[in-house]
Amino acid sequence: MIPLWMFPYAATCGNAIVMKPSERVPLTTMKLLELLHDPAYGVNLPPGIVNCIHGTHDAVNFILDDEDIKSVSFVGSNGAGEYIYRRAAETFKRAQVNMGEFFIFVLFQKNNFKILDLEKCLCLIFWYACVI
C-alpha cells in the first residue's frame, strides 16, 4: 500500500522510482508493477519510470550507495529503518523512514459469516492503514 502513496507524486514530479520489496513477500509488488504497465488500466507510464530490484542487504546497500539516487523512503522494522536512515545520512540522501509499522488482523469465522462481513473487514483494514 505504501508504494501507492509514493510513486504517483514522484512520477508526477518527473522522477523515476526503484522499489525494493520485502524478500519474504515480493509478489504483491510484482503484481502492482504488472498492473502499472498494463494498457487496460490506462496508466501509460513510460518504461523505466517505476522499477524493481530484488534482494536482501546487498540490494539495500546498492540503493543507499548509488550516487544517482537522491532520496529513499522506507517502512518496516526499527532495526532496518535505523540502518537505512544512518546510511542515507552518511551519503547525504534525503530519507523518510517509518519504523515499527505493523497491523494485526484476526478474523474469527462464525456460522453466519457472509461476504458482506468480509467487505466490512477489508474496509476497516484500509481505513486503519490510511488513518493511523
N, C-alpha and C. Protein backbone atom coordinates (compact mmCIF):
# COMPACT_ATOMS: atom_id res chain seq x y z
N MET A 1 0.81 -1.19 0.00
CA MET A 1 0.00 0.00 0.00
C MET A 1 0.86 1.26 0.00
N ILE A 2 1.99 1.21 0.68
CA ILE A 2 2.86 2.37 0.75
C ILE A 2 3.33 2.83 -0.62
N PRO A 3 3.74 1.92 -1.53
CA PRO A 3 4.15 2.41 -2.87
C PRO A 3 3.05 3.19 -3.57
N LEU A 4 1.80 2.86 -3.29
CA LEU A 4 0.70 3.59 -3.92
C LEU A 4 0.64 5.03 -3.44
N TRP A 5 1.17 5.30 -2.26
CA TRP A 5 1.22 6.68 -1.77
C TRP A 5 2.38 7.44 -2.36
N MET A 6 3.46 6.74 -2.68
CA MET A 6 4.72 7.41 -3.02
C MET A 6 4.92 7.65 -4.52
N PHE A 7 4.75 6.61 -5.33
CA PHE A 7 5.19 6.76 -6.71
C PHE A 7 4.34 7.71 -7.55
N PRO A 8 3.05 7.92 -7.28
CA PRO A 8 2.34 8.90 -8.12
C PRO A 8 2.93 10.31 -7.99
N TYR A 9 3.30 10.70 -6.78
CA TYR A 9 3.89 12.03 -6.58
C TYR A 9 5.28 12.10 -7.22
N ALA A 10 6.07 11.06 -7.01
CA ALA A 10 7.42 11.06 -7.57
C ALA A 10 7.38 11.09 -9.09
N ALA A 11 6.52 10.28 -9.70
CA ALA A 11 6.43 10.23 -11.16
C ALA A 11 5.89 11.55 -11.71
N THR A 12 4.92 12.14 -11.03
CA THR A 12 4.35 13.41 -11.48
C THR A 12 5.40 14.51 -11.47
N CYS A 13 6.32 14.44 -10.53
CA CYS A 13 7.38 15.45 -10.43
C CYS A 13 8.57 15.12 -11.35
N GLY A 14 8.45 14.06 -12.16
CA GLY A 14 9.48 13.75 -13.13
C GLY A 14 10.58 12.83 -12.63
N ASN A 15 10.34 12.12 -11.56
CA ASN A 15 11.35 11.22 -11.00
C ASN A 15 11.07 9.78 -11.39
N ALA A 16 12.13 8.99 -11.42
CA ALA A 16 12.00 7.54 -11.57
C ALA A 16 11.99 6.92 -10.18
N ILE A 17 11.39 5.76 -10.04
CA ILE A 17 11.24 5.10 -8.75
C ILE A 17 11.86 3.72 -8.84
N VAL A 18 12.59 3.34 -7.79
CA VAL A 18 13.12 1.99 -7.66
C VAL A 18 12.51 1.41 -6.40
N MET A 19 11.68 0.40 -6.54
CA MET A 19 11.08 -0.27 -5.38
C MET A 19 11.88 -1.52 -5.05
N LYS A 20 12.10 -1.75 -3.75
CA LYS A 20 12.76 -2.96 -3.30
C LYS A 20 11.79 -3.63 -2.33
N PRO A 21 11.01 -4.60 -2.82
CA PRO A 21 10.04 -5.23 -1.93
C PRO A 21 10.72 -6.14 -0.91
N SER A 22 9.98 -6.49 0.10
CA SER A 22 10.47 -7.46 1.06
C SER A 22 10.81 -8.75 0.34
N GLU A 23 11.94 -9.32 0.70
CA GLU A 23 12.32 -10.60 0.08
C GLU A 23 11.38 -11.71 0.49
N ARG A 24 10.61 -11.50 1.54
CA ARG A 24 9.66 -12.53 2.01
C ARG A 24 8.36 -12.52 1.23
N VAL A 25 7.93 -11.35 0.76
CA VAL A 25 6.65 -11.25 0.05
C VAL A 25 6.77 -10.31 -1.15
N PRO A 26 7.50 -10.71 -2.18
CA PRO A 26 7.70 -9.81 -3.32
C PRO A 26 6.57 -9.81 -4.34
N LEU A 27 5.66 -10.77 -4.27
CA LEU A 27 4.67 -10.92 -5.34
C LEU A 27 3.67 -9.77 -5.41
N THR A 28 3.35 -9.15 -4.30
CA THR A 28 2.42 -8.02 -4.32
C THR A 28 3.00 -6.87 -5.14
N THR A 29 4.26 -6.57 -4.91
CA THR A 29 4.91 -5.51 -5.67
C THR A 29 5.00 -5.87 -7.14
N MET A 30 5.30 -7.11 -7.44
CA MET A 30 5.40 -7.52 -8.84
C MET A 30 4.03 -7.42 -9.54
N LYS A 31 2.96 -7.76 -8.84
CA LYS A 31 1.62 -7.62 -9.41
C LYS A 31 1.29 -6.15 -9.64
N LEU A 32 1.68 -5.30 -8.70
CA LEU A 32 1.45 -3.86 -8.84
C LEU A 32 2.17 -3.33 -10.08
N LEU A 33 3.42 -3.73 -10.27
CA LEU A 33 4.17 -3.30 -11.45
C LEU A 33 3.54 -3.82 -12.74
N GLU A 34 3.04 -5.05 -12.68
CA GLU A 34 2.36 -5.61 -13.84
C GLU A 34 1.13 -4.78 -14.21
N LEU A 35 0.36 -4.37 -13.20
CA LEU A 35 -0.83 -3.56 -13.45
C LEU A 35 -0.46 -2.18 -13.98
N LEU A 36 0.66 -1.62 -13.49
CA LEU A 36 1.07 -0.30 -13.94
C LEU A 36 1.48 -0.28 -15.41
N HIS A 37 1.92 -1.41 -15.90
CA HIS A 37 2.36 -1.47 -17.29
C HIS A 37 1.32 -2.12 -18.20
N ASP A 38 0.14 -2.36 -17.68
CA ASP A 38 -0.94 -2.96 -18.46
C ASP A 38 -1.77 -1.84 -19.09
N PRO A 39 -1.81 -1.74 -20.41
CA PRO A 39 -2.56 -0.66 -21.05
C PRO A 39 -4.05 -0.67 -20.72
N ALA A 40 -4.58 -1.81 -20.29
CA ALA A 40 -6.00 -1.88 -19.97
C ALA A 40 -6.36 -0.98 -18.79
N TYR A 41 -5.40 -0.66 -17.94
CA TYR A 41 -5.68 0.18 -16.77
C TYR A 41 -5.46 1.65 -17.06
N GLY A 42 -4.92 1.98 -18.22
CA GLY A 42 -4.80 3.37 -18.64
C GLY A 42 -3.76 4.19 -17.92
N VAL A 43 -2.80 3.55 -17.27
CA VAL A 43 -1.78 4.32 -16.55
C VAL A 43 -0.79 4.94 -17.53
N ASN A 44 -0.36 4.16 -18.50
CA ASN A 44 0.52 4.63 -19.58
C ASN A 44 1.84 5.24 -19.09
N LEU A 45 2.46 4.63 -18.09
CA LEU A 45 3.77 5.10 -17.65
C LEU A 45 4.83 4.67 -18.66
N PRO A 46 5.73 5.56 -19.00
CA PRO A 46 6.81 5.16 -19.91
C PRO A 46 7.71 4.11 -19.25
N PRO A 47 8.36 3.28 -20.02
CA PRO A 47 9.27 2.29 -19.44
C PRO A 47 10.39 2.99 -18.66
N GLY A 48 10.76 2.39 -17.53
CA GLY A 48 11.84 2.91 -16.71
C GLY A 48 11.43 3.88 -15.62
N ILE A 49 10.16 4.26 -15.57
CA ILE A 49 9.72 5.19 -14.53
C ILE A 49 9.58 4.47 -13.20
N VAL A 50 8.94 3.30 -13.20
CA VAL A 50 8.80 2.51 -11.97
C VAL A 50 9.59 1.21 -12.19
N ASN A 51 10.57 0.99 -11.33
CA ASN A 51 11.47 -0.16 -11.45
C ASN A 51 11.46 -0.96 -10.16
N CYS A 52 12.00 -2.17 -10.24
CA CYS A 52 12.03 -3.05 -9.07
C CYS A 52 13.39 -3.72 -8.98
N ILE A 53 13.91 -3.80 -7.77
CA ILE A 53 15.15 -4.52 -7.51
C ILE A 53 14.86 -5.51 -6.39
N HIS A 54 15.31 -6.75 -6.56
CA HIS A 54 15.07 -7.79 -5.55
C HIS A 54 16.37 -8.09 -4.82
N GLY A 55 16.24 -8.52 -3.59
CA GLY A 55 17.42 -8.92 -2.84
C GLY A 55 17.27 -8.62 -1.36
N THR A 56 18.38 -8.79 -0.66
CA THR A 56 18.39 -8.54 0.79
C THR A 56 19.32 -7.36 1.07
N HIS A 57 20.30 -7.54 1.92
CA HIS A 57 21.17 -6.45 2.34
C HIS A 57 21.95 -5.84 1.18
N ASP A 58 22.40 -6.66 0.25
CA ASP A 58 23.17 -6.14 -0.88
C ASP A 58 22.34 -5.19 -1.73
N ALA A 59 21.07 -5.51 -1.93
CA ALA A 59 20.19 -4.64 -2.71
C ALA A 59 19.96 -3.31 -1.99
N VAL A 60 19.78 -3.37 -0.69
CA VAL A 60 19.59 -2.13 0.10
C VAL A 60 20.85 -1.29 0.03
N ASN A 61 22.00 -1.91 0.21
CA ASN A 61 23.27 -1.17 0.15
C ASN A 61 23.50 -0.57 -1.23
N PHE A 62 23.10 -1.29 -2.28
CA PHE A 62 23.23 -0.76 -3.63
C PHE A 62 22.43 0.54 -3.77
N ILE A 63 21.20 0.52 -3.29
CA ILE A 63 20.34 1.71 -3.36
C ILE A 63 20.95 2.85 -2.54
N LEU A 64 21.43 2.54 -1.35
CA LEU A 64 21.98 3.57 -0.47
C LEU A 64 23.31 4.13 -0.97
N ASP A 65 24.07 3.34 -1.71
CA ASP A 65 25.37 3.78 -2.19
C ASP A 65 25.34 4.43 -3.57
N ASP A 66 24.27 4.22 -4.32
CA ASP A 66 24.19 4.76 -5.68
C ASP A 66 24.08 6.29 -5.63
N GLU A 67 24.99 6.97 -6.33
CA GLU A 67 25.02 8.43 -6.30
C GLU A 67 23.86 9.06 -7.07
N ASP A 68 23.26 8.33 -7.99
CA ASP A 68 22.15 8.88 -8.76
C ASP A 68 20.83 8.86 -7.99
N ILE A 69 20.76 8.06 -6.94
CA ILE A 69 19.55 8.00 -6.11
C ILE A 69 19.69 9.06 -5.03
N LYS A 70 18.78 10.03 -5.02
CA LYS A 70 18.91 11.19 -4.13
C LYS A 70 18.08 11.08 -2.86
N SER A 71 17.09 10.20 -2.84
CA SER A 71 16.28 10.07 -1.63
C SER A 71 15.75 8.64 -1.52
N VAL A 72 15.46 8.24 -0.28
CA VAL A 72 14.91 6.92 -0.01
C VAL A 72 13.72 7.05 0.93
N SER A 73 12.81 6.11 0.80
CA SER A 73 11.66 6.04 1.69
C SER A 73 11.53 4.59 2.13
N PHE A 74 11.28 4.38 3.40
CA PHE A 74 11.25 3.03 3.96
C PHE A 74 10.14 2.90 4.97
N VAL A 75 9.48 1.74 4.97
CA VAL A 75 8.51 1.38 6.00
C VAL A 75 8.84 -0.03 6.44
N GLY A 76 9.05 -0.21 7.73
CA GLY A 76 9.36 -1.55 8.22
C GLY A 76 9.87 -1.53 9.64
N SER A 77 10.74 -2.48 9.93
CA SER A 77 11.19 -2.70 11.30
C SER A 77 12.13 -1.59 11.79
N ASN A 78 12.25 -1.49 13.10
CA ASN A 78 13.13 -0.47 13.69
C ASN A 78 14.58 -0.69 13.31
N GLY A 79 15.05 -1.93 13.38
CA GLY A 79 16.44 -2.20 13.08
C GLY A 79 16.82 -1.82 11.67
N ALA A 80 16.02 -2.25 10.71
CA ALA A 80 16.30 -1.92 9.31
C ALA A 80 16.16 -0.42 9.07
N GLY A 81 15.16 0.19 9.67
CA GLY A 81 14.94 1.62 9.49
C GLY A 81 16.09 2.46 10.03
N GLU A 82 16.59 2.10 11.20
CA GLU A 82 17.73 2.82 11.76
C GLU A 82 18.95 2.70 10.87
N TYR A 83 19.19 1.49 10.36
CA TYR A 83 20.32 1.26 9.46
C TYR A 83 20.18 2.11 8.19
N ILE A 84 19.01 2.09 7.58
CA ILE A 84 18.78 2.83 6.34
C ILE A 84 18.92 4.33 6.59
N TYR A 85 18.38 4.81 7.69
CA TYR A 85 18.46 6.25 7.98
C TYR A 85 19.92 6.68 8.19
N ARG A 86 20.67 5.88 8.93
CA ARG A 86 22.07 6.20 9.19
C ARG A 86 22.89 6.19 7.90
N ARG A 87 22.70 5.14 7.09
CA ARG A 87 23.45 5.05 5.83
C ARG A 87 23.03 6.15 4.86
N ALA A 88 21.77 6.50 4.82
CA ALA A 88 21.31 7.58 3.94
C ALA A 88 21.94 8.90 4.37
N ALA A 89 22.01 9.14 5.67
CA ALA A 89 22.61 10.38 6.16
C ALA A 89 24.09 10.45 5.82
N GLU A 90 24.77 9.33 5.87
CA GLU A 90 26.21 9.30 5.54
C GLU A 90 26.46 9.68 4.09
N THR A 91 25.53 9.40 3.21
CA THR A 91 25.69 9.72 1.79
C THR A 91 24.86 10.94 1.38
N PHE A 92 24.36 11.67 2.37
CA PHE A 92 23.61 12.92 2.16
C PHE A 92 22.35 12.73 1.32
N LYS A 93 21.70 11.59 1.49
CA LYS A 93 20.42 11.35 0.83
C LYS A 93 19.29 11.80 1.76
N ARG A 94 18.23 12.29 1.18
CA ARG A 94 17.03 12.54 1.97
C ARG A 94 16.42 11.20 2.33
N ALA A 95 15.92 11.09 3.53
CA ALA A 95 15.37 9.80 3.97
C ALA A 95 14.06 10.01 4.71
N GLN A 96 13.08 9.23 4.33
CA GLN A 96 11.80 9.16 5.03
C GLN A 96 11.69 7.75 5.55
N VAL A 97 11.77 7.59 6.86
CA VAL A 97 11.84 6.26 7.45
C VAL A 97 10.71 6.11 8.47
N ASN A 98 9.79 5.20 8.18
CA ASN A 98 8.67 4.90 9.09
C ASN A 98 8.94 3.54 9.71
N MET A 99 9.23 3.54 11.00
CA MET A 99 9.63 2.29 11.66
C MET A 99 8.54 1.79 12.59
N GLY A 100 8.57 0.50 12.84
CA GLY A 100 7.65 -0.11 13.79
C GLY A 100 6.25 -0.28 13.27
N GLU A 101 6.07 -0.22 11.96
CA GLU A 101 4.74 -0.37 11.38
C GLU A 101 4.30 -1.82 11.42
N PHE A 102 3.08 -2.04 11.84
CA PHE A 102 2.52 -3.38 11.80
C PHE A 102 1.01 -3.27 11.88
N PHE A 103 0.36 -4.32 11.49
CA PHE A 103 -1.10 -4.38 11.58
C PHE A 103 -1.48 -5.82 11.87
N ILE A 104 -2.19 -6.01 12.92
CA ILE A 104 -2.62 -7.36 13.28
C ILE A 104 -4.12 -7.43 13.04
N PHE A 105 -4.54 -8.43 12.29
CA PHE A 105 -5.95 -8.59 11.96
C PHE A 105 -6.32 -10.03 12.21
N VAL A 106 -7.26 -10.23 13.08
CA VAL A 106 -7.72 -11.59 13.39
C VAL A 106 -9.19 -11.69 13.00
N LEU A 107 -9.50 -12.70 12.23
CA LEU A 107 -10.88 -12.91 11.78
C LEU A 107 -11.35 -14.26 12.29
N PHE A 108 -12.40 -14.24 13.09
CA PHE A 108 -12.98 -15.48 13.58
C PHE A 108 -14.20 -15.80 12.73
N GLN A 109 -14.20 -16.99 12.19
CA GLN A 109 -15.33 -17.37 11.34
C GLN A 109 -16.52 -17.73 12.23
N LYS A 110 -17.68 -17.19 11.86
CA LYS A 110 -18.91 -17.51 12.55
C LYS A 110 -19.77 -18.37 11.62
N ASN A 111 -20.78 -18.98 12.17
CA ASN A 111 -21.66 -19.80 11.33
C ASN A 111 -22.38 -18.96 10.28
N ASN A 112 -22.67 -17.70 10.59
CA ASN A 112 -23.41 -16.86 9.66
C ASN A 112 -22.48 -15.85 8.96
N PHE A 113 -21.24 -16.23 8.74
CA PHE A 113 -20.27 -15.36 8.07
C PHE A 113 -20.70 -15.13 6.63
N LYS A 114 -20.73 -13.87 6.23
CA LYS A 114 -21.17 -13.50 4.90
C LYS A 114 -20.07 -12.71 4.19
N ILE A 115 -20.17 -12.63 2.88
CA ILE A 115 -19.22 -11.84 2.11
C ILE A 115 -19.26 -10.38 2.55
N LEU A 116 -20.43 -9.88 2.89
CA LEU A 116 -20.56 -8.50 3.33
C LEU A 116 -19.69 -8.25 4.56
N ASP A 117 -19.63 -9.22 5.48
CA ASP A 117 -18.77 -9.07 6.66
C ASP A 117 -17.31 -8.95 6.25
N LEU A 118 -16.89 -9.74 5.27
CA LEU A 118 -15.52 -9.67 4.79
C LEU A 118 -15.24 -8.30 4.17
N GLU A 119 -16.18 -7.79 3.41
CA GLU A 119 -16.00 -6.47 2.80
C GLU A 119 -15.86 -5.39 3.87
N LYS A 120 -16.66 -5.47 4.94
CA LYS A 120 -16.54 -4.51 6.03
C LYS A 120 -15.17 -4.61 6.69
N CYS A 121 -14.69 -5.83 6.88
CA CYS A 121 -13.37 -6.03 7.49
C CYS A 121 -12.28 -5.43 6.62
N LEU A 122 -12.37 -5.65 5.32
CA LEU A 122 -11.35 -5.09 4.42
C LEU A 122 -11.39 -3.57 4.42
N CYS A 123 -12.58 -2.99 4.48
CA CYS A 123 -12.68 -1.53 4.56
C CYS A 123 -12.02 -1.02 5.84
N LEU A 124 -12.21 -1.73 6.94
CA LEU A 124 -11.57 -1.33 8.19
C LEU A 124 -10.05 -1.41 8.10
N ILE A 125 -9.54 -2.44 7.44
CA ILE A 125 -8.10 -2.58 7.27
C ILE A 125 -7.55 -1.38 6.52
N PHE A 126 -8.17 -1.02 5.39
CA PHE A 126 -7.66 0.10 4.61
C PHE A 126 -7.86 1.42 5.34
N TRP A 127 -8.94 1.57 6.07
CA TRP A 127 -9.15 2.79 6.84
C TRP A 127 -8.06 2.90 7.91
N TYR A 128 -7.78 1.81 8.60
CA TYR A 128 -6.75 1.81 9.63
C TYR A 128 -5.39 2.15 9.03
N ALA A 129 -5.07 1.55 7.90
CA ALA A 129 -3.77 1.77 7.29
C ALA A 129 -3.62 3.22 6.83
N CYS A 130 -4.69 3.86 6.44
CA CYS A 130 -4.61 5.24 5.96
C CYS A 130 -4.65 6.26 7.09
N VAL A 131 -5.32 5.94 8.17
CA VAL A 131 -5.55 6.94 9.22
C VAL A 131 -4.50 6.88 10.30
N ILE A 132 -4.12 5.71 10.73
CA ILE A 132 -3.20 5.57 11.87
C ILE A 132 -1.77 5.76 11.44
